[in-house]
Protein backbone atom coordinates (compact mmCIF):
# COMPACT_ATOMS: atom_id res chain seq x y z
CA SER A 1 87.18 107.07 103.38
CA GLY A 2 85.18 106.58 106.57
CA THR A 3 88.28 106.70 108.76
CA MET A 4 89.55 109.86 107.08
CA ALA A 5 86.22 111.62 107.51
CA PHE A 6 86.08 110.47 111.12
CA SER A 7 89.58 111.76 111.82
CA SER A 8 88.86 115.13 110.22
CA SER A 9 85.56 115.40 112.07
CA ALA A 10 87.21 114.47 115.36
CA ALA A 11 89.86 117.15 114.89
CA GLU A 12 87.17 119.77 114.34
CA GLY A 13 84.75 118.21 116.82
CA THR A 14 85.31 117.81 120.55
CA ALA A 15 87.39 114.75 121.39
CA SER A 16 85.74 111.40 122.11
CA PRO A 17 82.25 111.47 120.54
CA PRO A 18 82.79 113.82 117.59
CA SER A 19 80.94 111.66 115.10
CA TYR A 20 77.61 112.13 116.87
CA SER A 21 78.13 115.86 117.44
CA LEU A 22 79.31 116.46 113.89
CA VAL A 23 76.55 114.32 112.45
CA ARG A 24 74.01 116.44 114.26
CA ARG A 25 75.83 119.62 113.22
CA ASN A 26 76.44 118.80 109.56
CA GLY A 27 73.30 116.73 109.23
CA VAL A 28 72.72 113.73 106.99
CA ARG A 29 75.68 114.75 104.86
CA ASN A 30 78.16 113.66 107.52
CA VAL A 31 76.10 110.58 108.25
CA ALA A 32 76.45 109.45 104.64
CA VAL A 33 80.19 110.19 104.73
CA ILE A 34 80.69 108.20 107.93
CA ALA A 35 78.46 105.40 106.66
CA HIS A 36 80.63 105.15 103.57
C-alpha cells in the first residue's frame, strides 16, 4: 500500500522528493498513508 501511495504521490508531486511535498500539502492524511 505504501509503495502504491508513494508512486501516485510522486506522479502528482514533483519528481524526487514528492513524499515530503505531498505530505505537507495533503497533511497528516498522506503521512498515515505513507506510514502504512
